[in-house]
Amino acid sequence: MSQSETFAELLEARFSCRGFLPEPVPREVIDTALQDAQKVPSWCNSQPWQVIALSQGETAEFAHALYDHVASAAHQSDIPFPARYEGVYKDRRSICGWQLYDAVGVQKGDRAASGQQMRENFRLFGAPNFLLITTPKVLGTYGVLDCGAYVTGVLLALQARGVASCAMASVAGFAPFVRDRYGIAEDRDLLCGIALGYGDPDHPANQFRTDRAPLDEVVDWR
């Protein structure tokens, strides 16, 4: 298989896993995936990302504490979330949301069920391991851009090792709680988390795949 075919296969196989088996990912597997992701490009080779990697025990404790915290805490992120989604971006977001709801049996208008599914974010979808990604405040948008490339590198490096994952901005919505728990320096922003583990093939939330826009919607040749 050529390198291009391998790369395409990894992209095709990867999905946002929302249901995991309890088996933890060995530390050496996570470490080698992170080592591969270190090779992604960054502005002036600044490599602005920092990772807090949680063991199985710490992931379980964090998920329990976070779930309890969000029950009464206000949303507060270091990096502003999108003000709104409009046009095609709103359409894509809506389609993705309804694919998930259909998969797990949430009926339209059932706010209790949709709310419960949303709260699964704060159980970390039952993932046995978790990563927190931070970026330097001083590097602003371009630091976030570089860290986004790193997150993609991590997701694909995990997929190459048979490890499922889900990049999660939801955790960043409660940044002060996470900052206090893990002693994140004030000069860094919490960007996102990555849930990881071995995907449960029978979990309802893992039974759909999102589509991608055709090239003519995103590429303008001149």
Protein backbone atom coordinates (compact mmCIF):
# COMPACT_ATOMS: atom_id res chain seq x y z
CA MET A 1 0.00 0.00 0.00
CA SER A 2 1.34 3.44 -0.92
CA GLN A 3 1.78 6.23 1.62
CA SER A 4 -1.10 8.15 0.06
CA GLU A 5 -3.37 5.11 0.32
CA THR A 6 -2.39 4.54 3.94
CA PHE A 7 -3.08 8.19 4.78
CA ALA A 8 -6.46 8.10 3.03
CA GLU A 9 -7.35 4.88 4.84
CA LEU A 10 -6.55 6.43 8.24
CA LEU A 11 -8.71 9.46 7.50
CA GLU A 12 -11.54 7.24 6.30
CA ALA A 13 -11.37 4.97 9.34
CA ARG A 14 -11.17 7.67 12.02
CA PHE A 15 -14.40 8.92 13.59
CA SER A 16 -15.42 10.70 16.79
CA CYS A 17 -15.89 7.81 19.17
CA ARG A 18 -18.58 8.32 21.83
CA GLY A 19 -18.58 4.88 23.40
CA PHE A 20 -15.50 3.08 24.68
CA LEU A 21 -14.59 -0.32 26.06
CA PRO A 22 -13.23 -0.22 29.65
CA GLU A 23 -9.77 -1.52 28.71
CA PRO A 24 -7.14 1.25 29.13
CA VAL A 25 -4.64 2.12 26.42
CA PRO A 26 -1.10 1.12 27.46
CA ARG A 27 1.07 4.12 28.26
CA GLU A 28 3.67 3.08 25.69
CA VAL A 29 1.02 3.16 22.94
CA ILE A 30 -0.06 6.67 23.94
CA ASP A 31 3.55 7.83 24.22
CA THR A 32 4.47 6.57 20.75
CA ALA A 33 1.38 8.22 19.25
CA LEU A 34 2.31 11.51 20.91
CA GLN A 35 5.88 11.13 19.70
CA ASP A 36 4.61 10.80 16.12
CA ALA A 37 2.37 13.84 16.54
CA GLN A 38 5.39 15.87 17.67
CA LYS A 39 6.42 15.93 14.02
CA VAL A 40 3.51 18.06 12.81
CA PRO A 41 4.53 21.49 11.47
CA SER A 42 4.17 24.68 13.51
CA TRP A 43 4.90 28.36 12.96
CA CYS A 44 8.69 28.88 13.29
CA ASN A 45 8.80 25.36 14.79
CA SER A 46 7.42 26.84 18.02
CA GLN A 47 5.59 23.60 18.98
CA PRO A 48 3.29 25.50 21.32
CA TRP A 49 1.21 22.54 22.55
CA GLN A 50 1.45 21.12 26.04
CA VAL A 51 -0.34 17.92 27.04
CA ILE A 52 -1.66 16.70 30.38
CA ALA A 53 -2.08 12.93 29.97
CA LEU A 54 -4.44 11.16 32.37
CA SER A 55 -4.10 7.54 33.43
CA GLN A 56 -7.16 5.32 33.66
CA GLY A 57 -7.63 6.03 37.37
CA GLU A 58 -7.22 9.79 37.00
CA THR A 59 -9.51 9.85 33.95
CA ALA A 60 -12.26 8.17 35.96
CA GLU A 61 -11.81 10.61 38.86
CA PHE A 62 -11.73 13.60 36.53
CA ALA A 63 -14.89 12.48 34.70
CA HIS A 64 -16.74 12.03 38.00
CA ALA A 65 -15.62 15.43 39.33
CA LEU A 66 -16.32 17.24 36.05
CA TYR A 67 -19.81 15.72 35.73
CA ASP A 68 -20.67 16.92 39.22
CA HIS A 69 -19.12 20.35 38.62
CA VAL A 70 -21.04 21.19 35.44
CA ALA A 71 -24.37 20.49 37.15
CA SER A 72 -24.18 23.91 38.80
CA ALA A 73 -21.25 25.76 37.17
CA ALA A 74 -21.48 28.43 34.50
CA HIS A 75 -19.81 27.99 31.12
CA GLN A 76 -16.45 29.80 31.06
CA SER A 77 -13.84 29.10 28.38
CA ASP A 78 -10.39 30.59 27.91
CA ILE A 79 -10.93 30.81 24.15
CA PRO A 80 -14.34 32.14 23.03
CA PHE A 81 -16.63 29.52 21.54
CA PRO A 82 -18.32 30.36 18.20
CA ALA A 83 -20.87 33.13 18.62
CA ARG A 84 -23.24 31.26 16.31
CA TYR A 85 -23.36 28.95 13.31
CA GLU A 86 -24.92 30.29 10.13
CA GLY A 87 -25.69 29.01 6.64
CA VAL A 88 -24.00 25.81 5.56
CA TYR A 89 -22.05 25.62 8.84
CA LYS A 90 -25.32 25.58 10.78
CA ASP A 91 -26.69 22.94 8.39
CA ARG A 92 -23.69 20.66 8.83
CA ARG A 93 -23.77 21.03 12.60
CA SER A 94 -27.48 20.22 12.67
CA ILE A 95 -27.10 17.15 10.45
CA CYS A 96 -24.30 15.82 12.64
CA GLY A 97 -26.34 16.39 15.80
CA TRP A 98 -29.39 14.61 14.44
CA GLN A 99 -27.28 11.70 13.22
CA LEU A 100 -26.11 11.23 16.81
CA TYR A 101 -29.60 11.61 18.26
CA ASP A 102 -31.05 9.15 15.76
CA ALA A 103 -28.30 6.65 16.59
CA VAL A 104 -28.97 6.78 20.34
CA GLY A 105 -32.75 7.01 20.03
CA VAL A 106 -33.37 10.63 21.04
CA GLN A 107 -36.65 11.83 19.54
CA LYS A 108 -37.07 15.37 18.24
CA GLY A 109 -38.40 17.61 20.98
CA ASP A 110 -37.30 15.32 23.83
CA ARG A 111 -35.25 17.85 25.74
CA ALA A 112 -34.64 15.54 28.68
CA ALA A 113 -33.10 12.85 26.48
CA SER A 114 -31.06 15.32 24.43
CA GLY A 115 -29.82 16.93 27.64
CA GLN A 116 -28.77 13.57 29.01
CA GLN A 117 -26.86 12.78 25.83
CA MET A 118 -25.14 16.18 26.01
CA ARG A 119 -24.07 15.44 29.58
CA GLU A 120 -22.28 12.32 28.35
CA ASN A 121 -19.60 14.77 27.18
CA PHE A 122 -18.79 15.35 30.84
CA ARG A 123 -18.52 11.64 31.53
CA LEU A 124 -15.92 11.75 28.75
CA PHE A 125 -18.06 9.14 26.96
CA GLY A 126 -16.64 6.52 29.28
CA ALA A 127 -13.14 6.81 27.82
CA PRO A 128 -10.46 5.06 29.90
CA ASN A 129 -7.80 7.67 29.06
CA PHE A 130 -7.88 11.40 28.41
CA LEU A 131 -5.57 14.16 27.19
CA LEU A 132 -5.84 17.90 27.89
CA ILE A 133 -4.28 20.28 25.36
CA THR A 134 -3.14 23.80 26.26
CA THR A 135 -1.72 26.65 24.16
CA PRO A 136 0.23 29.81 25.12
CA LYS A 137 -1.97 32.89 25.45
CA VAL A 138 0.73 35.10 23.95
CA LEU A 139 0.69 33.20 20.62
CA GLY A 140 -3.02 33.88 20.15
CA THR A 141 -4.75 32.62 17.02
CA TYR A 142 -1.61 31.18 15.47
CA GLY A 143 -0.80 29.18 18.58
CA VAL A 144 -4.33 27.77 18.44
CA LEU A 145 -3.85 26.99 14.74
CA ASP A 146 -0.62 25.08 15.46
CA CYS A 147 -2.25 23.19 18.32
CA GLY A 148 -5.16 22.29 16.05
CA ALA A 149 -2.68 20.69 13.65
CA TYR A 150 -1.19 18.83 16.61
CA VAL A 151 -4.60 17.55 17.69
CA THR A 152 -5.19 16.18 14.19
CA GLY A 153 -1.77 14.52 14.33
CA VAL A 154 -2.62 12.89 17.66
CA LEU A 155 -5.99 11.62 16.40
CA LEU A 156 -4.44 10.04 13.31
CA ALA A 157 -1.48 8.60 15.23
CA LEU A 158 -3.92 6.95 17.64
CA GLN A 159 -6.03 5.64 14.77
CA ALA A 160 -2.92 4.12 13.19
CA ARG A 161 -2.53 2.07 16.39
CA GLY A 162 -6.15 0.94 16.52
CA VAL A 163 -7.08 3.45 19.24
CA ALA A 164 -10.35 5.36 18.92
CA SER A 165 -10.63 8.99 19.96
CA CYS A 166 -12.82 12.07 20.20
CA ALA A 167 -11.56 15.66 20.29
CA MET A 168 -13.70 17.54 22.80
CA ALA A 169 -14.15 21.29 23.16
CA SER A 170 -16.82 20.73 25.81
CA VAL A 171 -14.20 20.28 28.54
CA ALA A 172 -12.70 23.67 27.64
CA GLY A 173 -16.05 25.25 28.46
CA PHE A 174 -15.21 24.83 32.15
CA ALA A 175 -11.63 26.00 32.01
CA PRO A 176 -11.32 27.41 35.56
CA PHE A 177 -12.24 24.04 37.07
CA VAL A 178 -9.72 22.19 34.89
CA ARG A 179 -7.05 24.86 35.49
CA ASP A 180 -7.40 24.59 39.25
CA ARG A 181 -7.43 20.80 39.26
CA TYR A 182 -4.25 20.43 37.20
CA GLY A 183 -2.36 23.61 38.04
CA ILE A 184 -2.40 24.98 34.48
CA ALA A 185 -0.37 28.18 34.37
CA GLU A 186 -2.25 31.45 33.85
CA ASP A 187 -0.22 32.18 30.71
CA ARG A 188 -1.78 29.18 28.93
CA ASP A 189 -5.27 28.62 27.53
CA LEU A 190 -7.12 25.33 27.75
CA LEU A 191 -7.88 24.45 24.14
CA CYS A 192 -9.60 21.06 24.23
CA GLY A 193 -9.47 17.51 25.46
CA ILE A 194 -9.07 14.20 23.64
CA ALA A 195 -10.94 11.13 24.88
CA LEU A 196 -9.22 7.93 23.82
CA GLY A 197 -9.55 4.20 24.20
CA TYR A 198 -10.71 1.16 22.31
CA GLY A 199 -14.03 1.86 20.65
CA ASP A 200 -17.09 -0.19 21.56
CA PRO A 201 -18.35 -1.42 18.16
CA ASP A 202 -21.80 -2.15 19.61
CA HIS A 203 -22.37 1.24 21.25
CA PRO A 204 -25.29 3.06 19.55
CA ALA A 205 -23.39 6.37 19.40
CA ASN A 206 -20.72 4.73 17.24
CA GLN A 207 -23.14 3.55 14.55
CA PHE A 208 -23.05 6.61 12.26
CA ARG A 209 -20.47 8.48 10.22
CA THR A 210 -20.53 12.11 9.13
CA ASP A 211 -20.24 13.17 5.50
CA ARG A 212 -17.68 15.59 4.06
CA ALA A 213 -18.36 18.40 1.62
CA PRO A 214 -17.27 17.84 -2.00
CA LEU A 215 -14.23 19.75 -3.22
CA ASP A 216 -16.25 22.17 -5.31
CA GLU A 217 -17.86 23.48 -2.11
CA VAL A 218 -14.53 24.30 -0.44
CA VAL A 219 -11.98 24.82 -3.22
CA ASP A 220 -11.96 27.82 -5.58
CA TRP A 221 -9.43 27.28 -8.37
CA ARG A 222 -8.15 30.48 -10.00
